[in-house]
Amino acid sequence: MDSRKKIIVLHGPNLNLLGQREPEVYGFQNLEAINRSIAEEGQKKGLDTEIRQSNSEGQLIDWIHEASTNYAGIIINPGAFTHYSLAIRDALAAIDLPIVEVHLSNIYAREEFRSRSVIAPVVTGQVSGFGAMSYLAALNIMEDLIRK
């Protein structure tokens, strides 16, 4: 498929525990179900979605670097790295792609330390607080961004 229609979706640490980890905050859907929804919606839009999850900061950075030449855009939920990973922030800042930051919960309505994203200043935009629908909203936004 044309790389101009390929999107990479990156899930950060602990997202592999969705459905069991604090479901009252993150919802009851597991990551596999969310990934299926993303892939199905992407397919409807004619987008090829590559979806990956890692608990490792270095792995996420490697995938971000890879994205710069192989994908049209990035959707990323950096998990806890949102609040302190300058390395992920710098990797995202170094590439010229549309990037949408995603969070299942509204990070601004939670603990004070969660209300600061070091990622937000270097991405195209952010979607948060809509549970698994945050990813689908990000996919809709990404579709518009890459078609322009």
N, C-alpha and C. Protein backbone atom coordinates (compact mmCIF):
# COMPACT_ATOMS: atom_id res chain seq x y z
N MET A 1 0.85 -1.19 0.00
CA MET A 1 0.00 0.00 0.00
C MET A 1 0.89 1.24 0.00
N ASP A 2 0.41 2.28 -0.61
CA ASP A 2 1.08 3.56 -0.67
C ASP A 2 1.36 4.09 0.74
N SER A 3 2.62 4.47 1.01
CA SER A 3 2.97 4.94 2.36
C SER A 3 2.20 6.21 2.74
N ARG A 4 1.66 6.91 1.74
CA ARG A 4 0.87 8.11 2.05
C ARG A 4 -0.47 7.75 2.68
N LYS A 5 -0.82 6.47 2.69
CA LYS A 5 -2.07 6.03 3.29
C LYS A 5 -1.83 5.09 4.47
N LYS A 6 -0.58 4.99 4.91
CA LYS A 6 -0.25 4.12 6.04
C LYS A 6 -0.13 4.95 7.31
N ILE A 7 -0.82 4.51 8.34
CA ILE A 7 -0.80 5.18 9.64
C ILE A 7 -0.25 4.19 10.66
N ILE A 8 0.60 4.68 11.54
CA ILE A 8 1.06 3.83 12.64
C ILE A 8 0.40 4.31 13.92
N VAL A 9 -0.14 3.37 14.66
CA VAL A 9 -0.77 3.64 15.95
C VAL A 9 0.12 3.02 17.02
N LEU A 10 0.61 3.86 17.93
CA LEU A 10 1.52 3.41 18.96
C LEU A 10 0.86 3.52 20.33
N HIS A 11 0.83 2.40 21.03
CA HIS A 11 0.32 2.34 22.39
C HIS A 11 1.50 2.22 23.34
N GLY A 12 1.52 3.06 24.37
CA GLY A 12 2.60 3.05 25.33
C GLY A 12 2.39 2.09 26.48
N PRO A 13 3.11 2.34 27.57
CA PRO A 13 3.16 1.41 28.69
C PRO A 13 1.81 1.17 29.37
N ASN A 14 1.63 -0.06 29.75
CA ASN A 14 0.48 -0.55 30.51
C ASN A 14 -0.81 -0.62 29.72
N LEU A 15 -0.81 -0.18 28.47
CA LEU A 15 -2.03 -0.26 27.68
C LEU A 15 -2.36 -1.70 27.30
N ASN A 16 -1.37 -2.59 27.40
CA ASN A 16 -1.63 -4.01 27.21
C ASN A 16 -2.53 -4.57 28.32
N LEU A 17 -2.70 -3.82 29.39
CA LEU A 17 -3.54 -4.26 30.52
C LEU A 17 -4.96 -3.68 30.47
N LEU A 18 -5.29 -3.01 29.37
CA LEU A 18 -6.64 -2.45 29.27
C LEU A 18 -7.69 -3.54 29.45
N GLY A 19 -8.78 -3.15 30.08
CA GLY A 19 -9.86 -4.09 30.39
C GLY A 19 -9.74 -4.66 31.79
N GLN A 20 -8.51 -4.72 32.30
CA GLN A 20 -8.30 -5.20 33.67
C GLN A 20 -7.75 -4.10 34.56
N ARG A 21 -7.01 -3.17 34.02
CA ARG A 21 -6.38 -2.11 34.80
C ARG A 21 -7.34 -0.93 34.97
N GLU A 22 -7.74 -0.66 36.18
CA GLU A 22 -8.62 0.47 36.50
C GLU A 22 -9.71 0.69 35.45
N PRO A 23 -10.59 -0.29 35.26
CA PRO A 23 -11.61 -0.15 34.21
C PRO A 23 -12.53 1.05 34.42
N GLU A 24 -12.69 1.50 35.67
CA GLU A 24 -13.52 2.67 35.91
C GLU A 24 -12.90 3.93 35.32
N VAL A 25 -11.60 3.91 35.07
CA VAL A 25 -10.90 5.05 34.46
C VAL A 25 -10.70 4.82 32.97
N TYR A 26 -10.23 3.62 32.61
CA TYR A 26 -9.80 3.34 31.23
C TYR A 26 -10.80 2.54 30.42
N GLY A 27 -11.87 2.09 31.03
CA GLY A 27 -12.88 1.33 30.32
C GLY A 27 -12.68 -0.17 30.42
N PHE A 28 -13.65 -0.89 29.93
CA PHE A 28 -13.65 -2.34 30.05
C PHE A 28 -13.17 -3.05 28.79
N GLN A 29 -12.97 -2.30 27.70
CA GLN A 29 -12.47 -2.91 26.47
C GLN A 29 -11.00 -3.24 26.61
N ASN A 30 -10.60 -4.41 26.12
CA ASN A 30 -9.18 -4.73 26.13
C ASN A 30 -8.51 -4.15 24.88
N LEU A 31 -7.19 -4.18 24.87
CA LEU A 31 -6.44 -3.57 23.77
C LEU A 31 -6.72 -4.25 22.44
N GLU A 32 -6.90 -5.55 22.47
CA GLU A 32 -7.19 -6.28 21.24
C GLU A 32 -8.49 -5.78 20.59
N ALA A 33 -9.52 -5.56 21.39
CA ALA A 33 -10.80 -5.06 20.86
C ALA A 33 -10.65 -3.65 20.32
N ILE A 34 -9.90 -2.82 21.02
CA ILE A 34 -9.66 -1.45 20.54
C ILE A 34 -8.90 -1.49 19.23
N ASN A 35 -7.89 -2.34 19.15
CA ASN A 35 -7.11 -2.45 17.92
C ASN A 35 -7.97 -2.91 16.74
N ARG A 36 -8.87 -3.85 16.99
CA ARG A 36 -9.79 -4.30 15.93
C ARG A 36 -10.63 -3.14 15.42
N SER A 37 -11.15 -2.32 16.35
CA SER A 37 -11.97 -1.16 15.96
C SER A 37 -11.16 -0.18 15.12
N ILE A 38 -9.93 0.07 15.54
CA ILE A 38 -9.06 0.99 14.79
C ILE A 38 -8.81 0.45 13.39
N ALA A 39 -8.44 -0.83 13.29
CA ALA A 39 -8.15 -1.43 11.98
C ALA A 39 -9.37 -1.42 11.07
N GLU A 40 -10.54 -1.75 11.63
CA GLU A 40 -11.77 -1.77 10.82
C GLU A 40 -12.12 -0.37 10.32
N GLU A 41 -12.02 0.61 11.21
CA GLU A 41 -12.33 1.99 10.81
C GLU A 41 -11.32 2.48 9.78
N GLY A 42 -10.07 2.15 9.97
CA GLY A 42 -9.04 2.52 9.00
C GLY A 42 -9.31 1.93 7.64
N GLN A 43 -9.69 0.66 7.63
CA GLN A 43 -9.99 -0.01 6.37
C GLN A 43 -11.14 0.67 5.64
N LYS A 44 -12.18 1.08 6.37
CA LYS A 44 -13.30 1.78 5.77
C LYS A 44 -12.85 3.09 5.11
N LYS A 45 -11.82 3.69 5.67
CA LYS A 45 -11.33 4.97 5.16
C LYS A 45 -10.23 4.80 4.11
N GLY A 46 -9.89 3.55 3.80
CA GLY A 46 -8.83 3.29 2.83
C GLY A 46 -7.44 3.52 3.41
N LEU A 47 -7.33 3.42 4.73
CA LEU A 47 -6.04 3.60 5.40
C LEU A 47 -5.53 2.26 5.91
N ASP A 48 -4.24 2.06 5.75
CA ASP A 48 -3.59 0.87 6.30
C ASP A 48 -3.06 1.24 7.67
N THR A 49 -3.54 0.58 8.70
CA THR A 49 -3.13 0.90 10.06
C THR A 49 -2.21 -0.19 10.60
N GLU A 50 -1.03 0.20 10.97
CA GLU A 50 -0.08 -0.67 11.66
C GLU A 50 -0.21 -0.31 13.14
N ILE A 51 -0.48 -1.29 13.99
CA ILE A 51 -0.74 -1.01 15.40
C ILE A 51 0.27 -1.78 16.25
N ARG A 52 0.93 -1.03 17.15
CA ARG A 52 1.96 -1.64 17.99
C ARG A 52 1.84 -1.12 19.43
N GLN A 53 2.26 -1.97 20.37
CA GLN A 53 2.27 -1.58 21.78
C GLN A 53 3.60 -1.98 22.39
N SER A 54 4.13 -1.10 23.25
CA SER A 54 5.34 -1.44 23.98
C SER A 54 5.33 -0.75 25.34
N ASN A 55 5.91 -1.44 26.30
CA ASN A 55 6.13 -0.85 27.62
C ASN A 55 7.50 -0.20 27.69
N SER A 56 8.24 -0.25 26.61
CA SER A 56 9.61 0.25 26.58
C SER A 56 9.72 1.58 25.85
N GLU A 57 10.27 2.56 26.52
CA GLU A 57 10.47 3.89 25.93
C GLU A 57 11.34 3.81 24.68
N GLY A 58 12.43 3.06 24.76
CA GLY A 58 13.34 2.94 23.62
C GLY A 58 12.68 2.34 22.40
N GLN A 59 11.84 1.32 22.61
CA GLN A 59 11.14 0.70 21.49
C GLN A 59 10.20 1.69 20.82
N LEU A 60 9.47 2.46 21.62
CA LEU A 60 8.57 3.46 21.05
C LEU A 60 9.35 4.49 20.23
N ILE A 61 10.49 4.90 20.73
CA ILE A 61 11.33 5.86 20.00
C ILE A 61 11.80 5.27 18.68
N ASP A 62 12.23 4.02 18.69
CA ASP A 62 12.65 3.37 17.44
C ASP A 62 11.51 3.35 16.42
N TRP A 63 10.30 3.05 16.88
CA TRP A 63 9.15 3.03 15.97
C TRP A 63 8.82 4.42 15.45
N ILE A 64 8.98 5.44 16.27
CA ILE A 64 8.77 6.82 15.82
C ILE A 64 9.77 7.16 14.72
N HIS A 65 11.02 6.81 14.92
CA HIS A 65 12.04 7.06 13.89
C HIS A 65 11.68 6.34 12.60
N GLU A 66 11.26 5.10 12.71
CA GLU A 66 10.86 4.30 11.54
C GLU A 66 9.68 4.96 10.82
N ALA A 67 8.78 5.53 11.58
CA ALA A 67 7.57 6.14 10.99
C ALA A 67 7.91 7.29 10.06
N SER A 68 8.99 7.98 10.33
CA SER A 68 9.31 9.17 9.53
C SER A 68 9.47 8.86 8.05
N THR A 69 9.86 7.64 7.70
CA THR A 69 10.04 7.30 6.29
C THR A 69 9.03 6.29 5.77
N ASN A 70 8.27 5.66 6.65
CA ASN A 70 7.39 4.58 6.21
C ASN A 70 5.90 4.83 6.37
N TYR A 71 5.53 5.94 6.99
CA TYR A 71 4.12 6.19 7.28
C TYR A 71 3.73 7.63 6.97
N ALA A 72 2.43 7.84 6.83
CA ALA A 72 1.91 9.18 6.55
C ALA A 72 1.58 9.94 7.82
N GLY A 73 1.46 9.23 8.94
CA GLY A 73 1.12 9.89 10.19
C GLY A 73 1.20 8.93 11.36
N ILE A 74 1.21 9.52 12.56
CA ILE A 74 1.31 8.75 13.80
C ILE A 74 0.14 9.12 14.71
N ILE A 75 -0.48 8.09 15.26
CA ILE A 75 -1.41 8.25 16.38
C ILE A 75 -0.72 7.59 17.56
N ILE A 76 -0.54 8.33 18.64
CA ILE A 76 0.21 7.80 19.78
C ILE A 76 -0.49 8.06 21.10
N ASN A 77 -0.59 7.00 21.88
CA ASN A 77 -0.99 7.13 23.27
C ASN A 77 0.27 6.79 24.07
N PRO A 78 0.99 7.81 24.53
CA PRO A 78 2.25 7.55 25.21
C PRO A 78 2.09 7.04 26.64
N GLY A 79 0.85 6.89 27.12
CA GLY A 79 0.65 6.44 28.49
C GLY A 79 1.36 7.37 29.46
N ALA A 80 1.95 6.81 30.49
CA ALA A 80 2.64 7.61 31.50
C ALA A 80 3.82 8.40 30.94
N PHE A 81 4.37 7.96 29.80
CA PHE A 81 5.47 8.73 29.18
C PHE A 81 5.03 10.14 28.79
N THR A 82 3.72 10.33 28.66
CA THR A 82 3.16 11.64 28.34
C THR A 82 3.70 12.73 29.25
N HIS A 83 3.88 12.40 30.50
CA HIS A 83 4.14 13.40 31.53
C HIS A 83 5.61 13.67 31.78
N TYR A 84 6.49 12.81 31.23
CA TYR A 84 7.91 13.04 31.56
C TYR A 84 8.91 12.62 30.50
N SER A 85 8.50 11.96 29.43
CA SER A 85 9.50 11.46 28.49
C SER A 85 9.92 12.52 27.48
N LEU A 86 11.00 13.19 27.82
CA LEU A 86 11.56 14.16 26.88
C LEU A 86 12.16 13.45 25.68
N ALA A 87 12.57 12.20 25.86
CA ALA A 87 13.13 11.43 24.74
C ALA A 87 12.05 11.15 23.69
N ILE A 88 10.86 10.75 24.10
CA ILE A 88 9.77 10.54 23.14
C ILE A 88 9.35 11.87 22.54
N ARG A 89 9.27 12.90 23.36
CA ARG A 89 8.94 14.24 22.87
C ARG A 89 9.92 14.66 21.78
N ASP A 90 11.21 14.49 22.03
CA ASP A 90 12.22 14.89 21.06
C ASP A 90 12.17 14.06 19.78
N ALA A 91 11.87 12.77 19.91
CA ALA A 91 11.73 11.92 18.72
C ALA A 91 10.56 12.38 17.86
N LEU A 92 9.45 12.72 18.49
CA LEU A 92 8.29 13.21 17.75
C LEU A 92 8.58 14.57 17.11
N ALA A 93 9.29 15.42 17.83
CA ALA A 93 9.62 16.75 17.30
C ALA A 93 10.56 16.67 16.11
N ALA A 94 11.32 15.60 16.02
CA ALA A 94 12.34 15.47 14.97
C ALA A 94 11.78 15.03 13.63
N ILE A 95 10.52 14.60 13.60
CA ILE A 95 9.97 14.11 12.33
C ILE A 95 8.89 15.05 11.80
N ASP A 96 8.74 15.01 10.51
CA ASP A 96 7.80 15.90 9.84
C ASP A 96 6.58 15.10 9.36
N LEU A 97 5.75 14.74 10.30
CA LEU A 97 4.51 14.01 10.00
C LEU A 97 3.40 14.57 10.88
N PRO A 98 2.16 14.45 10.45
CA PRO A 98 1.07 14.76 11.38
C PRO A 98 1.05 13.72 12.50
N ILE A 99 0.87 14.20 13.72
CA ILE A 99 0.88 13.33 14.90
C ILE A 99 -0.30 13.72 15.78
N VAL A 100 -1.10 12.72 16.15
CA VAL A 100 -2.22 12.96 17.06
C VAL A 100 -1.95 12.17 18.35
N GLU A 101 -1.92 12.89 19.45
CA GLU A 101 -1.76 12.30 20.78
C GLU A 101 -3.14 11.89 21.29
N VAL A 102 -3.23 10.69 21.85
CA VAL A 102 -4.51 10.14 22.29
C VAL A 102 -4.42 9.72 23.76
N HIS A 103 -5.51 9.96 24.47
CA HIS A 103 -5.65 9.45 25.84
C HIS A 103 -7.08 8.98 26.03
N LEU A 104 -7.23 7.84 26.67
CA LEU A 104 -8.56 7.31 26.94
C LEU A 104 -9.29 8.16 27.96
N SER A 105 -8.59 8.58 29.00
CA SER A 105 -9.19 9.40 30.04
C SER A 105 -8.89 10.88 29.77
N ASN A 106 -9.62 11.74 30.44
CA ASN A 106 -9.35 13.18 30.34
C ASN A 106 -8.21 13.48 31.31
N ILE A 107 -7.01 13.59 30.78
CA ILE A 107 -5.84 13.76 31.65
C ILE A 107 -5.89 15.07 32.44
N TYR A 108 -6.68 16.01 31.99
CA TYR A 108 -6.77 17.32 32.66
C TYR A 108 -7.75 17.31 33.83
N ALA A 109 -8.52 16.23 33.95
CA ALA A 109 -9.50 16.12 35.03
C ALA A 109 -9.06 15.10 36.08
N ARG A 110 -7.82 14.68 36.00
CA ARG A 110 -7.31 13.66 36.92
C ARG A 110 -6.28 14.26 37.87
N GLU A 111 -5.40 13.45 38.38
CA GLU A 111 -4.37 13.92 39.30
C GLU A 111 -3.56 15.05 38.64
N GLU A 112 -3.09 15.95 39.47
CA GLU A 112 -2.37 17.13 38.94
C GLU A 112 -1.20 16.75 38.04
N PHE A 113 -0.43 15.74 38.42
CA PHE A 113 0.74 15.37 37.62
C PHE A 113 0.37 14.90 36.23
N ARG A 114 -0.88 14.42 36.05
CA ARG A 114 -1.31 13.95 34.73
C ARG A 114 -1.76 15.09 33.82
N SER A 115 -1.92 16.28 34.36
CA SER A 115 -2.45 17.38 33.55
C SER A 115 -1.38 18.07 32.71
N ARG A 116 -0.15 17.60 32.79
CA ARG A 116 0.91 18.18 31.98
C ARG A 116 1.40 17.15 30.97
N SER A 117 1.33 17.50 29.71
CA SER A 117 1.85 16.63 28.65
C SER A 117 3.07 17.30 28.05
N VAL A 118 4.22 16.63 28.15
CA VAL A 118 5.41 17.16 27.48
C VAL A 118 5.35 16.85 25.99
N ILE A 119 4.42 16.00 25.60
CA ILE A 119 4.24 15.60 24.20
C ILE A 119 3.41 16.64 23.43
N ALA A 120 2.40 17.20 24.08
CA ALA A 120 1.44 18.09 23.41
C ALA A 120 2.06 19.22 22.59
N PRO A 121 3.11 19.89 23.07
CA PRO A 121 3.65 21.00 22.28
C PRO A 121 4.27 20.61 20.93
N VAL A 122 4.56 19.33 20.71
CA VAL A 122 5.22 18.94 19.47
C VAL A 122 4.35 18.09 18.55
N VAL A 123 3.08 17.90 18.92
CA VAL A 123 2.19 17.13 18.05
C VAL A 123 1.18 18.06 17.39
N THR A 124 0.51 17.53 16.39
CA THR A 124 -0.48 18.32 15.65
C THR A 124 -1.67 18.65 16.54
N GLY A 125 -2.09 17.68 17.36
CA GLY A 125 -3.22 17.89 18.25
C GLY A 125 -3.40 16.71 19.18
N GLN A 126 -4.40 16.82 20.03
CA GLN A 126 -4.63 15.82 21.07
C GLN A 126 -6.12 15.53 21.19
N VAL A 127 -6.44 14.25 21.43
CA VAL A 127 -7.81 13.83 21.72
C VAL A 127 -7.76 13.07 23.04
N SER A 128 -8.56 13.50 24.00
CA SER A 128 -8.55 12.80 25.29
C SER A 128 -9.92 12.81 25.93
N GLY A 129 -10.17 11.78 26.71
CA GLY A 129 -11.37 11.75 27.54
C GLY A 129 -12.55 11.02 26.98
N PHE A 130 -12.42 10.38 25.84
CA PHE A 130 -13.57 9.72 25.22
C PHE A 130 -13.43 8.20 25.18
N GLY A 131 -12.61 7.67 26.07
CA GLY A 131 -12.41 6.22 26.09
C GLY A 131 -11.85 5.74 24.77
N ALA A 132 -12.26 4.55 24.36
CA ALA A 132 -11.77 3.97 23.11
C ALA A 132 -12.14 4.81 21.90
N MET A 133 -13.22 5.59 22.02
CA MET A 133 -13.61 6.46 20.90
C MET A 133 -12.55 7.53 20.62
N SER A 134 -11.67 7.80 21.57
CA SER A 134 -10.60 8.77 21.34
C SER A 134 -9.74 8.34 20.17
N TYR A 135 -9.48 7.03 20.06
CA TYR A 135 -8.68 6.53 18.95
C TYR A 135 -9.39 6.71 17.61
N LEU A 136 -10.70 6.46 17.60
CA LEU A 136 -11.46 6.60 16.35
C LEU A 136 -11.55 8.06 15.94
N ALA A 137 -11.71 8.95 16.91
CA ALA A 137 -11.70 10.38 16.60
C ALA A 137 -10.35 10.79 16.03
N ALA A 138 -9.28 10.27 16.63
CA ALA A 138 -7.93 10.57 16.13
C ALA A 138 -7.75 10.05 14.71
N LEU A 139 -8.31 8.90 14.41
CA LEU A 139 -8.22 8.34 13.07
C LEU A 139 -8.96 9.21 12.06
N ASN A 140 -10.13 9.71 12.43
CA ASN A 140 -10.87 10.62 11.56
C ASN A 140 -10.07 11.90 11.30
N ILE A 141 -9.47 12.42 12.34
CA ILE A 141 -8.66 13.62 12.21
C ILE A 141 -7.45 13.34 11.32
N MET A 142 -6.79 12.21 11.55
CA MET A 142 -5.63 11.85 10.76
C MET A 142 -5.98 11.71 9.29
N GLU A 143 -7.11 11.12 9.01
CA GLU A 143 -7.55 10.98 7.61
C GLU A 143 -7.60 12.35 6.95
N ASP A 144 -8.20 13.32 7.61
CA ASP A 144 -8.26 14.67 7.06
C ASP A 144 -6.87 15.29 6.90
N LEU A 145 -6.02 15.09 7.88
CA LEU A 145 -4.67 15.68 7.83
C LEU A 145 -3.85 15.14 6.67
N ILE A 146 -3.90 13.84 6.44
CA ILE A 146 -3.05 13.29 5.38
C ILE A 146 -3.63 13.48 3.99
N ARG A 147 -4.91 13.75 3.89
CA ARG A 147 -5.51 13.98 2.57
C ARG A 147 -5.35 15.41 2.10
N LYS A 148 -4.91 16.29 2.99
CA LYS A 148 -4.71 17.70 2.63
C LYS A 148 -3.37 17.92 1.99
